[in-house]
N, C-alpha and C. Protein backbone atom coordinates (compact mmCIF):
# COMPACT_ATOMS: atom_id res chain seq x y z
N UNK A 1 -26.26 7.80 -2.80
CA UNK A 1 -25.21 7.07 -3.50
C UNK A 1 -24.06 8.03 -3.83
N UNK A 2 -22.83 7.59 -3.54
CA UNK A 2 -21.65 8.40 -3.81
C UNK A 2 -21.01 7.96 -5.11
N UNK A 3 -20.93 8.83 -6.09
CA UNK A 3 -20.29 8.51 -7.35
C UNK A 3 -19.12 9.46 -7.56
N UNK A 4 -18.62 9.55 -8.79
CA UNK A 4 -17.49 10.43 -9.04
C UNK A 4 -17.87 11.90 -8.85
N UNK A 5 -16.85 12.70 -8.58
CA UNK A 5 -17.04 14.14 -8.45
C UNK A 5 -16.30 14.84 -9.58
N UNK A 6 -16.86 15.92 -10.05
CA UNK A 6 -16.23 16.73 -11.09
C UNK A 6 -15.29 17.73 -10.43
N UNK A 7 -14.00 17.64 -10.79
CA UNK A 7 -13.01 18.53 -10.22
C UNK A 7 -12.92 19.85 -10.95
N UNK A 8 -12.18 20.78 -10.37
CA UNK A 8 -11.98 22.09 -10.98
C UNK A 8 -11.26 21.98 -12.32
N UNK A 9 -10.53 20.86 -12.51
CA UNK A 9 -9.79 20.66 -13.77
C UNK A 9 -10.65 20.03 -14.86
N UNK A 10 -11.93 19.79 -14.55
CA UNK A 10 -12.83 19.21 -15.54
C UNK A 10 -12.83 17.70 -15.58
N UNK A 11 -12.07 17.06 -14.70
CA UNK A 11 -12.00 15.60 -14.67
C UNK A 11 -12.92 15.04 -13.58
N UNK A 12 -13.60 13.95 -13.91
CA UNK A 12 -14.37 13.21 -12.91
C UNK A 12 -13.42 12.25 -12.21
N UNK A 13 -13.52 12.19 -10.89
CA UNK A 13 -12.66 11.27 -10.14
C UNK A 13 -13.37 10.75 -8.91
N UNK A 14 -12.79 9.74 -8.30
CA UNK A 14 -13.32 9.19 -7.04
C UNK A 14 -13.42 10.31 -6.01
N UNK A 15 -14.44 10.27 -5.14
CA UNK A 15 -14.65 11.38 -4.21
C UNK A 15 -13.75 11.39 -2.99
N UNK A 16 -13.08 10.28 -2.68
CA UNK A 16 -12.40 10.21 -1.39
C UNK A 16 -11.22 11.16 -1.20
N UNK A 17 -10.54 11.66 -2.25
CA UNK A 17 -9.47 12.63 -1.98
C UNK A 17 -9.98 14.01 -1.55
N UNK A 18 -11.27 14.28 -1.77
CA UNK A 18 -11.80 15.61 -1.45
C UNK A 18 -11.09 16.67 -2.27
N UNK A 19 -10.71 17.75 -1.61
CA UNK A 19 -10.04 18.84 -2.31
C UNK A 19 -8.58 19.00 -1.87
N UNK A 20 -8.09 18.07 -1.06
CA UNK A 20 -6.71 18.15 -0.59
C UNK A 20 -5.74 17.89 -1.75
N UNK A 21 -4.82 18.81 -1.98
CA UNK A 21 -3.94 18.72 -3.14
C UNK A 21 -3.05 17.48 -3.10
N UNK A 22 -2.52 17.15 -1.91
CA UNK A 22 -1.65 15.98 -1.78
C UNK A 22 -2.42 14.70 -2.04
N UNK A 23 -3.65 14.64 -1.51
CA UNK A 23 -4.50 13.47 -1.68
C UNK A 23 -4.93 13.32 -3.15
N UNK A 24 -5.23 14.44 -3.78
CA UNK A 24 -5.62 14.41 -5.19
C UNK A 24 -4.47 13.89 -6.06
N UNK A 25 -3.26 14.36 -5.77
CA UNK A 25 -2.11 13.91 -6.54
C UNK A 25 -1.87 12.42 -6.34
N UNK A 26 -2.04 11.95 -5.11
CA UNK A 26 -1.88 10.52 -4.83
C UNK A 26 -2.93 9.71 -5.62
N UNK A 27 -4.17 10.18 -5.60
CA UNK A 27 -5.23 9.50 -6.35
C UNK A 27 -4.93 9.47 -7.84
N UNK A 28 -4.52 10.60 -8.38
CA UNK A 28 -4.33 10.72 -9.83
C UNK A 28 -3.08 10.01 -10.33
N UNK A 29 -2.02 10.00 -9.52
CA UNK A 29 -0.72 9.56 -10.02
C UNK A 29 -0.24 8.23 -9.46
N UNK A 30 -0.80 7.78 -8.34
CA UNK A 30 -0.26 6.57 -7.71
C UNK A 30 -1.28 5.47 -7.44
N UNK A 31 -2.41 5.82 -6.83
CA UNK A 31 -3.33 4.79 -6.36
C UNK A 31 -3.89 3.98 -7.52
N UNK A 32 -3.67 2.70 -7.48
CA UNK A 32 -4.12 1.83 -8.56
C UNK A 32 -3.12 1.64 -9.68
N UNK A 33 -1.99 2.36 -9.62
CA UNK A 33 -0.96 2.22 -10.65
C UNK A 33 0.01 1.10 -10.25
N UNK A 34 0.55 0.43 -11.23
CA UNK A 34 1.40 -0.73 -10.97
C UNK A 34 2.67 -0.35 -10.20
N UNK A 35 2.92 -1.10 -9.14
CA UNK A 35 4.18 -1.04 -8.41
C UNK A 35 4.66 -2.48 -8.30
N UNK A 36 5.85 -2.78 -8.80
CA UNK A 36 6.30 -4.17 -8.78
C UNK A 36 7.76 -4.34 -8.37
N UNK A 37 8.44 -3.24 -8.04
CA UNK A 37 9.81 -3.38 -7.56
C UNK A 37 9.82 -3.65 -6.06
N UNK A 38 10.85 -4.32 -5.58
CA UNK A 38 10.89 -4.73 -4.18
C UNK A 38 10.82 -3.56 -3.21
N UNK A 39 11.55 -2.50 -3.49
CA UNK A 39 11.56 -1.35 -2.59
C UNK A 39 10.20 -0.68 -2.55
N UNK A 40 9.59 -0.48 -3.72
CA UNK A 40 8.27 0.15 -3.77
C UNK A 40 7.22 -0.67 -3.07
N UNK A 41 7.25 -1.98 -3.23
CA UNK A 41 6.27 -2.83 -2.58
C UNK A 41 6.51 -2.89 -1.07
N UNK A 42 7.78 -2.96 -0.67
CA UNK A 42 8.06 -2.97 0.77
C UNK A 42 7.60 -1.66 1.41
N UNK A 43 7.83 -0.54 0.73
CA UNK A 43 7.36 0.74 1.25
C UNK A 43 5.84 0.71 1.48
N UNK A 44 5.12 0.23 0.52
CA UNK A 44 3.66 0.22 0.64
C UNK A 44 3.17 -0.74 1.72
N UNK A 45 3.84 -1.87 1.86
CA UNK A 45 3.48 -2.79 2.94
C UNK A 45 3.69 -2.13 4.30
N UNK A 46 4.84 -1.48 4.46
CA UNK A 46 5.13 -0.82 5.74
C UNK A 46 4.16 0.32 6.01
N UNK A 47 3.94 1.17 5.02
CA UNK A 47 3.06 2.31 5.23
C UNK A 47 1.62 1.87 5.47
N UNK A 48 1.16 0.86 4.78
CA UNK A 48 -0.20 0.36 5.03
C UNK A 48 -0.30 -0.19 6.45
N UNK A 49 0.77 -0.82 6.93
CA UNK A 49 0.79 -1.29 8.30
C UNK A 49 0.74 -0.16 9.31
N UNK A 50 1.48 0.90 9.05
CA UNK A 50 1.45 2.07 9.93
C UNK A 50 0.10 2.76 9.89
N UNK A 51 -0.61 2.63 8.77
CA UNK A 51 -1.89 3.31 8.62
C UNK A 51 -2.97 2.70 9.51
N UNK A 52 -2.81 1.44 9.92
CA UNK A 52 -3.84 0.75 10.71
C UNK A 52 -4.28 1.62 11.89
N UNK A 53 -5.57 1.93 11.94
CA UNK A 53 -6.13 2.75 13.01
C UNK A 53 -6.03 4.24 12.77
N UNK A 54 -5.42 4.63 11.66
CA UNK A 54 -5.24 6.05 11.33
C UNK A 54 -5.81 6.32 9.94
N UNK A 55 -5.85 7.58 9.55
CA UNK A 55 -6.28 7.90 8.19
C UNK A 55 -5.07 7.80 7.26
N UNK A 56 -5.34 7.43 6.00
CA UNK A 56 -4.25 7.34 5.03
C UNK A 56 -3.63 8.71 4.78
N UNK A 57 -4.43 9.76 4.86
CA UNK A 57 -3.89 11.10 4.64
C UNK A 57 -2.84 11.44 5.69
N UNK A 58 -3.03 10.98 6.92
CA UNK A 58 -2.03 11.20 7.97
C UNK A 58 -0.70 10.58 7.56
N UNK A 59 -0.74 9.36 7.05
CA UNK A 59 0.48 8.67 6.62
C UNK A 59 1.07 9.37 5.40
N UNK A 60 0.22 9.77 4.48
CA UNK A 60 0.69 10.42 3.27
C UNK A 60 1.46 11.71 3.59
N UNK A 61 0.97 12.46 4.54
CA UNK A 61 1.63 13.70 4.93
C UNK A 61 2.98 13.46 5.60
N UNK A 62 3.17 12.28 6.16
CA UNK A 62 4.42 11.93 6.83
C UNK A 62 5.33 11.07 5.95
N UNK A 63 4.93 10.85 4.72
CA UNK A 63 5.61 9.88 3.87
C UNK A 63 7.09 10.19 3.69
N UNK A 64 7.43 11.42 3.41
CA UNK A 64 8.85 11.75 3.19
C UNK A 64 9.65 11.55 4.46
N UNK A 65 9.06 11.84 5.61
CA UNK A 65 9.74 11.60 6.88
C UNK A 65 9.94 10.10 7.09
N UNK A 66 8.93 9.31 6.73
CA UNK A 66 9.06 7.85 6.81
C UNK A 66 10.19 7.37 5.90
N UNK A 67 10.25 7.90 4.69
CA UNK A 67 11.30 7.47 3.75
C UNK A 67 12.68 7.77 4.31
N UNK A 68 12.82 8.92 4.91
CA UNK A 68 14.11 9.28 5.51
C UNK A 68 14.43 8.38 6.69
N UNK A 69 13.44 8.14 7.52
CA UNK A 69 13.65 7.36 8.74
C UNK A 69 13.95 5.90 8.44
N UNK A 70 13.35 5.38 7.36
CA UNK A 70 13.50 3.97 7.03
C UNK A 70 14.38 3.74 5.80
N UNK A 71 15.39 4.57 5.64
CA UNK A 71 16.42 4.36 4.62
C UNK A 71 15.85 4.14 3.22
N UNK A 72 14.84 4.95 2.88
CA UNK A 72 14.21 4.83 1.57
C UNK A 72 13.46 3.53 1.36
N UNK A 73 13.18 2.83 2.47
CA UNK A 73 12.46 1.55 2.46
C UNK A 73 13.23 0.46 1.71
N UNK A 74 14.54 0.55 1.73
CA UNK A 74 15.36 -0.54 1.19
C UNK A 74 15.32 -1.67 2.21
N UNK A 75 14.68 -2.80 1.91
CA UNK A 75 14.57 -3.85 2.93
C UNK A 75 15.91 -4.41 3.38
N UNK A 76 16.92 -4.33 2.52
CA UNK A 76 18.25 -4.83 2.91
C UNK A 76 18.85 -3.98 4.02
N UNK A 77 18.55 -2.69 4.01
CA UNK A 77 19.06 -1.80 5.06
C UNK A 77 18.20 -1.90 6.31
N UNK A 78 16.88 -1.85 6.13
CA UNK A 78 15.97 -1.90 7.29
C UNK A 78 16.14 -3.21 8.05
N UNK A 79 16.43 -4.28 7.35
CA UNK A 79 16.61 -5.58 8.01
C UNK A 79 17.78 -5.58 8.99
N UNK A 80 18.70 -4.62 8.82
CA UNK A 80 19.86 -4.55 9.70
C UNK A 80 19.65 -3.59 10.86
N UNK A 81 18.46 -2.97 10.95
CA UNK A 81 18.18 -2.06 12.06
C UNK A 81 18.27 -2.83 13.38
N UNK A 82 18.83 -2.15 14.38
CA UNK A 82 18.96 -2.74 15.71
C UNK A 82 18.24 -1.87 16.72
N UNK A 83 18.43 -2.15 18.00
CA UNK A 83 17.66 -1.46 19.04
C UNK A 83 17.91 0.05 19.04
N UNK A 84 19.12 0.46 18.72
CA UNK A 84 19.38 1.91 18.68
C UNK A 84 18.59 2.58 17.56
N UNK A 85 18.36 1.84 16.47
CA UNK A 85 17.53 2.38 15.39
C UNK A 85 16.08 2.49 15.84
N UNK A 86 15.61 1.50 16.58
CA UNK A 86 14.25 1.58 17.13
C UNK A 86 14.12 2.79 18.04
N UNK A 87 15.12 3.02 18.89
CA UNK A 87 15.10 4.19 19.78
C UNK A 87 15.08 5.48 18.97
N UNK A 88 15.87 5.52 17.90
CA UNK A 88 15.89 6.70 17.03
C UNK A 88 14.51 6.95 16.42
N UNK A 89 13.89 5.90 15.95
CA UNK A 89 12.58 6.03 15.31
C UNK A 89 11.51 6.44 16.32
N UNK A 90 11.61 5.95 17.54
CA UNK A 90 10.64 6.31 18.56
C UNK A 90 10.76 7.78 18.95
N UNK A 91 11.90 8.38 18.65
CA UNK A 91 12.10 9.81 18.95
C UNK A 91 11.92 10.70 17.73
N UNK A 92 11.51 10.12 16.63
CA UNK A 92 11.35 10.87 15.38
C UNK A 92 9.91 11.37 15.29
N UNK A 93 9.72 12.65 15.53
CA UNK A 93 8.37 13.22 15.53
C UNK A 93 7.76 13.28 14.13
N UNK A 94 8.56 13.04 13.11
CA UNK A 94 8.05 13.11 11.75
C UNK A 94 7.25 11.89 11.33
N UNK A 95 7.39 10.79 12.07
CA UNK A 95 6.69 9.55 11.71
C UNK A 95 5.68 9.20 12.81
N UNK A 96 4.99 8.08 12.63
CA UNK A 96 4.10 7.56 13.66
C UNK A 96 4.96 6.76 14.63
N UNK A 97 5.04 7.24 15.88
CA UNK A 97 5.95 6.62 16.85
C UNK A 97 5.22 5.54 17.64
N UNK A 98 5.11 4.39 17.01
CA UNK A 98 4.43 3.25 17.61
C UNK A 98 5.42 2.09 17.63
N UNK A 99 5.82 1.66 18.82
CA UNK A 99 6.87 0.65 18.92
C UNK A 99 6.49 -0.64 18.20
N UNK A 100 5.25 -1.08 18.36
CA UNK A 100 4.84 -2.34 17.74
C UNK A 100 4.96 -2.26 16.22
N UNK A 101 4.56 -1.13 15.64
CA UNK A 101 4.62 -0.97 14.19
C UNK A 101 6.06 -0.83 13.70
N UNK A 102 6.88 -0.15 14.46
CA UNK A 102 8.29 -0.01 14.10
C UNK A 102 8.98 -1.36 14.15
N UNK A 103 8.74 -2.10 15.22
CA UNK A 103 9.33 -3.44 15.34
C UNK A 103 8.85 -4.34 14.22
N UNK A 104 7.57 -4.23 13.86
CA UNK A 104 7.02 -5.02 12.76
C UNK A 104 7.70 -4.68 11.45
N UNK A 105 7.95 -3.40 11.20
CA UNK A 105 8.59 -2.99 9.95
C UNK A 105 9.98 -3.60 9.81
N UNK A 106 10.73 -3.61 10.91
CA UNK A 106 12.08 -4.20 10.87
C UNK A 106 11.99 -5.71 10.67
N UNK A 107 11.10 -6.36 11.41
CA UNK A 107 10.92 -7.79 11.24
C UNK A 107 10.44 -8.14 9.85
N UNK A 108 9.54 -7.33 9.31
CA UNK A 108 9.03 -7.59 7.97
C UNK A 108 10.11 -7.41 6.90
N UNK A 109 11.05 -6.51 7.15
CA UNK A 109 12.17 -6.36 6.21
C UNK A 109 12.98 -7.65 6.15
N UNK A 110 13.18 -8.26 7.29
CA UNK A 110 13.93 -9.53 7.33
C UNK A 110 13.15 -10.63 6.63
N UNK A 111 11.84 -10.65 6.86
CA UNK A 111 11.00 -11.64 6.18
C UNK A 111 10.96 -11.36 4.66
N UNK A 112 11.01 -10.09 4.29
CA UNK A 112 11.02 -9.73 2.87
C UNK A 112 12.26 -10.27 2.18
N UNK A 113 13.40 -10.18 2.86
CA UNK A 113 14.63 -10.72 2.26
C UNK A 113 14.54 -12.23 2.10
N UNK A 114 13.93 -12.91 3.08
CA UNK A 114 13.73 -14.35 2.96
C UNK A 114 12.85 -14.66 1.75
N UNK A 115 11.81 -13.86 1.59
CA UNK A 115 10.86 -14.07 0.50
C UNK A 115 11.51 -13.81 -0.85
N UNK A 116 12.31 -12.75 -0.94
CA UNK A 116 13.01 -12.43 -2.18
C UNK A 116 13.98 -13.55 -2.55
N UNK A 117 14.66 -14.09 -1.55
CA UNK A 117 15.60 -15.18 -1.81
C UNK A 117 14.86 -16.42 -2.30
N UNK A 118 13.68 -16.68 -1.72
CA UNK A 118 12.93 -17.89 -2.08
C UNK A 118 12.19 -17.75 -3.40
N UNK A 119 11.64 -16.55 -3.66
CA UNK A 119 10.76 -16.37 -4.81
C UNK A 119 11.37 -15.57 -5.96
N UNK A 120 12.43 -14.85 -5.67
CA UNK A 120 13.05 -14.01 -6.69
C UNK A 120 12.69 -12.55 -6.55
N UNK A 121 11.47 -12.26 -6.06
CA UNK A 121 11.03 -10.89 -5.83
C UNK A 121 9.74 -10.93 -5.02
N UNK A 122 9.42 -9.80 -4.39
CA UNK A 122 8.16 -9.70 -3.66
C UNK A 122 7.00 -9.80 -4.65
N UNK A 123 7.14 -9.16 -5.80
CA UNK A 123 6.07 -9.17 -6.80
C UNK A 123 5.75 -10.58 -7.26
N UNK A 124 6.76 -11.39 -7.45
CA UNK A 124 6.52 -12.76 -7.91
C UNK A 124 5.71 -13.54 -6.89
N UNK A 125 5.96 -13.28 -5.61
CA UNK A 125 5.18 -13.91 -4.55
C UNK A 125 3.74 -13.39 -4.56
N UNK A 126 3.59 -12.07 -4.63
CA UNK A 126 2.27 -11.47 -4.56
C UNK A 126 1.40 -11.82 -5.76
N UNK A 127 2.03 -12.06 -6.91
CA UNK A 127 1.27 -12.30 -8.14
C UNK A 127 0.30 -13.46 -8.01
N UNK A 128 0.61 -14.42 -7.16
CA UNK A 128 -0.27 -15.57 -6.95
C UNK A 128 -1.62 -15.12 -6.41
N UNK A 129 -1.63 -13.98 -5.71
CA UNK A 129 -2.84 -13.50 -5.04
C UNK A 129 -3.54 -12.38 -5.81
N UNK A 130 -3.03 -12.04 -6.97
CA UNK A 130 -3.66 -10.97 -7.77
C UNK A 130 -4.93 -11.51 -8.41
N UNK A 131 -6.08 -10.91 -8.13
CA UNK A 131 -7.34 -11.42 -8.69
C UNK A 131 -7.51 -11.01 -10.15
N UNK A 132 -8.41 -11.68 -10.81
CA UNK A 132 -8.76 -11.28 -12.17
C UNK A 132 -9.46 -9.93 -12.11
N UNK A 133 -9.27 -9.06 -13.10
CA UNK A 133 -9.95 -7.77 -13.10
C UNK A 133 -11.47 -7.94 -13.04
N UNK A 134 -12.10 -7.12 -12.22
CA UNK A 134 -13.55 -7.18 -12.08
C UNK A 134 -14.21 -5.94 -12.64
N UNK A 135 -15.53 -5.87 -12.56
CA UNK A 135 -16.25 -4.70 -13.06
C UNK A 135 -15.95 -3.46 -12.22
N UNK A 136 -16.10 -2.31 -12.81
CA UNK A 136 -15.85 -1.06 -12.10
C UNK A 136 -16.91 -0.83 -11.02
N UNK A 137 -16.49 -0.49 -9.81
CA UNK A 137 -17.49 -0.11 -8.81
C UNK A 137 -18.16 1.20 -9.22
N UNK A 138 -19.46 1.28 -8.98
CA UNK A 138 -20.20 2.49 -9.37
C UNK A 138 -20.20 3.54 -8.28
N UNK A 139 -20.00 3.12 -7.05
CA UNK A 139 -19.93 4.07 -5.93
C UNK A 139 -19.09 3.43 -4.83
N UNK A 140 -18.78 4.21 -3.81
CA UNK A 140 -17.87 3.73 -2.78
C UNK A 140 -18.40 2.53 -2.00
N UNK A 141 -19.72 2.36 -1.97
CA UNK A 141 -20.29 1.23 -1.25
C UNK A 141 -19.93 -0.09 -1.92
N UNK A 142 -19.53 -0.05 -3.19
CA UNK A 142 -19.16 -1.26 -3.92
C UNK A 142 -17.66 -1.55 -3.87
N UNK A 143 -16.90 -0.71 -3.17
CA UNK A 143 -15.46 -0.92 -3.04
C UNK A 143 -15.23 -1.72 -1.76
N UNK A 144 -14.73 -2.94 -1.85
CA UNK A 144 -14.55 -3.77 -0.65
C UNK A 144 -13.39 -3.29 0.21
N UNK A 145 -13.35 -3.76 1.43
CA UNK A 145 -12.23 -3.48 2.33
C UNK A 145 -11.33 -4.70 2.48
N UNK A 146 -11.79 -5.84 1.97
CA UNK A 146 -11.00 -7.07 1.98
C UNK A 146 -11.58 -7.98 0.91
N UNK A 147 -10.86 -9.03 0.59
CA UNK A 147 -11.31 -9.98 -0.44
C UNK A 147 -10.79 -11.36 -0.07
N UNK A 148 -11.27 -12.36 -0.79
CA UNK A 148 -10.77 -13.72 -0.56
C UNK A 148 -9.26 -13.77 -0.78
N UNK A 149 -8.79 -13.04 -1.78
CA UNK A 149 -7.35 -13.03 -2.08
C UNK A 149 -6.55 -12.34 -0.99
N UNK A 150 -7.07 -11.22 -0.47
CA UNK A 150 -6.32 -10.52 0.58
C UNK A 150 -6.31 -11.33 1.87
N UNK A 151 -7.39 -12.08 2.11
CA UNK A 151 -7.42 -12.94 3.30
C UNK A 151 -6.41 -14.08 3.17
N UNK A 152 -6.33 -14.66 1.98
CA UNK A 152 -5.36 -15.73 1.74
C UNK A 152 -3.93 -15.21 1.84
N UNK A 153 -3.68 -14.03 1.27
CA UNK A 153 -2.36 -13.42 1.34
C UNK A 153 -1.98 -13.12 2.78
N UNK A 154 -2.89 -12.54 3.53
CA UNK A 154 -2.65 -12.23 4.93
C UNK A 154 -2.30 -13.49 5.71
N UNK A 155 -3.05 -14.54 5.49
CA UNK A 155 -2.82 -15.80 6.21
C UNK A 155 -1.44 -16.36 5.91
N UNK A 156 -1.03 -16.31 4.63
CA UNK A 156 0.27 -16.86 4.26
C UNK A 156 1.41 -16.00 4.81
N UNK A 157 1.27 -14.69 4.74
CA UNK A 157 2.32 -13.82 5.28
C UNK A 157 2.47 -14.01 6.78
N UNK A 158 1.36 -14.13 7.48
CA UNK A 158 1.43 -14.37 8.91
C UNK A 158 2.12 -15.70 9.21
N UNK A 159 1.83 -16.70 8.41
CA UNK A 159 2.48 -18.00 8.58
C UNK A 159 3.99 -17.87 8.40
N UNK A 160 4.40 -16.96 7.51
CA UNK A 160 5.82 -16.74 7.24
C UNK A 160 6.47 -15.79 8.24
N UNK A 161 5.69 -15.30 9.21
CA UNK A 161 6.27 -14.48 10.28
C UNK A 161 6.11 -12.98 10.14
N UNK A 162 5.32 -12.52 9.15
CA UNK A 162 5.09 -11.09 8.97
C UNK A 162 4.08 -10.58 10.01
N UNK A 163 4.14 -9.28 10.30
CA UNK A 163 3.22 -8.65 11.24
C UNK A 163 2.54 -7.44 10.60
N UNK A 164 1.40 -7.05 11.15
CA UNK A 164 0.61 -5.93 10.63
C UNK A 164 0.29 -6.13 9.15
N UNK A 165 -0.16 -7.33 8.83
CA UNK A 165 -0.51 -7.68 7.46
C UNK A 165 -1.89 -8.34 7.43
N UNK A 166 -2.85 -7.73 8.14
CA UNK A 166 -4.20 -8.27 8.16
C UNK A 166 -4.88 -8.17 6.81
N UNK A 167 -6.03 -8.83 6.65
CA UNK A 167 -6.71 -8.85 5.35
C UNK A 167 -7.07 -7.47 4.82
N UNK A 168 -7.49 -6.55 5.70
CA UNK A 168 -7.82 -5.20 5.24
C UNK A 168 -6.57 -4.45 4.80
N UNK A 169 -5.49 -4.61 5.57
CA UNK A 169 -4.23 -3.98 5.21
C UNK A 169 -3.70 -4.52 3.89
N UNK A 170 -3.84 -5.81 3.68
CA UNK A 170 -3.36 -6.41 2.43
C UNK A 170 -4.24 -6.01 1.25
N UNK A 171 -5.53 -5.80 1.50
CA UNK A 171 -6.36 -5.33 0.39
C UNK A 171 -5.97 -3.89 0.03
N UNK A 172 -5.66 -3.09 1.03
CA UNK A 172 -5.20 -1.72 0.76
C UNK A 172 -3.89 -1.74 -0.03
N UNK A 173 -3.02 -2.71 0.28
CA UNK A 173 -1.80 -2.88 -0.51
C UNK A 173 -2.14 -3.20 -1.96
N UNK A 174 -3.09 -4.11 -2.17
CA UNK A 174 -3.48 -4.47 -3.52
C UNK A 174 -3.99 -3.26 -4.30
N UNK A 175 -4.75 -2.42 -3.63
CA UNK A 175 -5.25 -1.20 -4.28
C UNK A 175 -4.10 -0.25 -4.60
N UNK A 176 -3.22 -0.06 -3.62
CA UNK A 176 -2.14 0.90 -3.76
C UNK A 176 -1.13 0.49 -4.83
N UNK A 177 -0.91 -0.83 -4.98
CA UNK A 177 0.11 -1.33 -5.90
C UNK A 177 -0.45 -1.69 -7.26
N UNK A 178 -1.75 -1.48 -7.47
CA UNK A 178 -2.33 -1.75 -8.77
C UNK A 178 -2.67 -3.21 -9.01
N UNK A 179 -2.72 -4.02 -7.96
CA UNK A 179 -3.13 -5.41 -8.11
C UNK A 179 -4.63 -5.49 -8.39
N UNK A 180 -5.38 -4.51 -7.89
CA UNK A 180 -6.79 -4.35 -8.20
C UNK A 180 -7.02 -2.91 -8.62
N UNK A 181 -8.05 -2.68 -9.39
CA UNK A 181 -8.38 -1.33 -9.86
C UNK A 181 -9.74 -0.95 -9.29
N UNK A 182 -9.74 -0.21 -8.19
CA UNK A 182 -10.98 0.17 -7.54
C UNK A 182 -11.37 1.62 -7.79
N UNK A 183 -10.80 2.23 -8.82
CA UNK A 183 -11.30 3.54 -9.23
C UNK A 183 -12.73 3.36 -9.73
N UNK A 184 -13.58 4.30 -9.38
CA UNK A 184 -14.99 4.18 -9.73
C UNK A 184 -15.23 4.30 -11.23
N UNK A 185 -16.34 3.73 -11.66
CA UNK A 185 -16.79 3.91 -13.04
C UNK A 185 -16.93 5.40 -13.33
N UNK A 186 -16.31 5.86 -14.38
CA UNK A 186 -16.35 7.28 -14.73
C UNK A 186 -15.16 8.08 -14.24
N UNK A 187 -14.35 7.50 -13.33
CA UNK A 187 -13.14 8.20 -12.87
C UNK A 187 -12.13 8.23 -14.00
N UNK A 188 -11.54 9.38 -14.25
CA UNK A 188 -10.65 9.52 -15.40
C UNK A 188 -9.38 8.68 -15.27
N UNK A 189 -9.04 8.25 -14.04
CA UNK A 189 -7.82 7.48 -13.84
C UNK A 189 -8.03 5.99 -14.12
N UNK A 190 -9.28 5.53 -14.05
CA UNK A 190 -9.54 4.10 -14.12
C UNK A 190 -8.96 3.45 -15.38
N UNK A 191 -9.18 4.03 -16.53
CA UNK A 191 -8.70 3.41 -17.77
C UNK A 191 -7.18 3.35 -17.81
N UNK A 192 -6.52 4.33 -17.21
CA UNK A 192 -5.06 4.33 -17.18
C UNK A 192 -4.53 3.21 -16.30
N UNK A 193 -5.24 2.92 -15.23
CA UNK A 193 -4.84 1.81 -14.36
C UNK A 193 -5.11 0.46 -15.03
N UNK A 194 -6.18 0.38 -15.82
CA UNK A 194 -6.49 -0.87 -16.49
C UNK A 194 -5.36 -1.29 -17.42
N UNK A 195 -4.63 -0.32 -17.96
CA UNK A 195 -3.54 -0.65 -18.88
C UNK A 195 -2.38 -1.32 -18.15
N UNK A 196 -2.37 -1.23 -16.81
CA UNK A 196 -1.31 -1.86 -16.02
C UNK A 196 -1.62 -3.32 -15.68
N UNK A 197 -2.83 -3.76 -16.00
CA UNK A 197 -3.21 -5.14 -15.70
C UNK A 197 -2.97 -6.02 -16.93
N UNK A 198 -2.68 -7.33 -16.80
CA UNK A 198 -2.58 -8.04 -15.53
C UNK A 198 -1.31 -7.68 -14.77
N UNK A 199 -1.38 -7.82 -13.48
CA UNK A 199 -0.28 -7.46 -12.58
C UNK A 199 0.56 -8.70 -12.31
N UNK A 200 1.91 -8.58 -12.22
CA UNK A 200 2.73 -7.37 -12.27
C UNK A 200 3.47 -7.20 -13.59
N UNK A 201 3.06 -7.87 -14.66
CA UNK A 201 3.81 -7.85 -15.91
C UNK A 201 4.03 -6.44 -16.44
């Protein structure tokens, strides 16, 4: 059974960051914390989509390059990307150069603007799919990779024309944006994330 690990700083935390400093900082400062602004949510949707088939640490290490390449993930700017921008991104060694994912990010920016116009914000749309807080998982085997809510969210986004938004990707978004709190029981970050619920208020 995998439970929390005691770090050099004396804190118990989830084991998945290992000893990588960047991963530890992401775990401690971001994962499970509330994100409710349109730019922050769009960034996480895009990055989770790029992560499909790769490790999250790979994406995390390229994050600043992604931010530069995608105009800080401002959906209003990305929605105006054209074929020359796709060509630029395909030649950018700092990011994951996958045409399908790049095309999806641009298309999703356009869908995001439609959603913001219809709902007022991405967070307001996502809030419908935020589950009630559940018990703390005791080990990694109790942390799901998808949920009924992420499946429903994925289905609706696909209906609206979004791409790379499968149920597993959407559950990862929920974890990353603080819609769910999957820090393990005993992890020092868990209680801090609980203060951000209910989401996105």
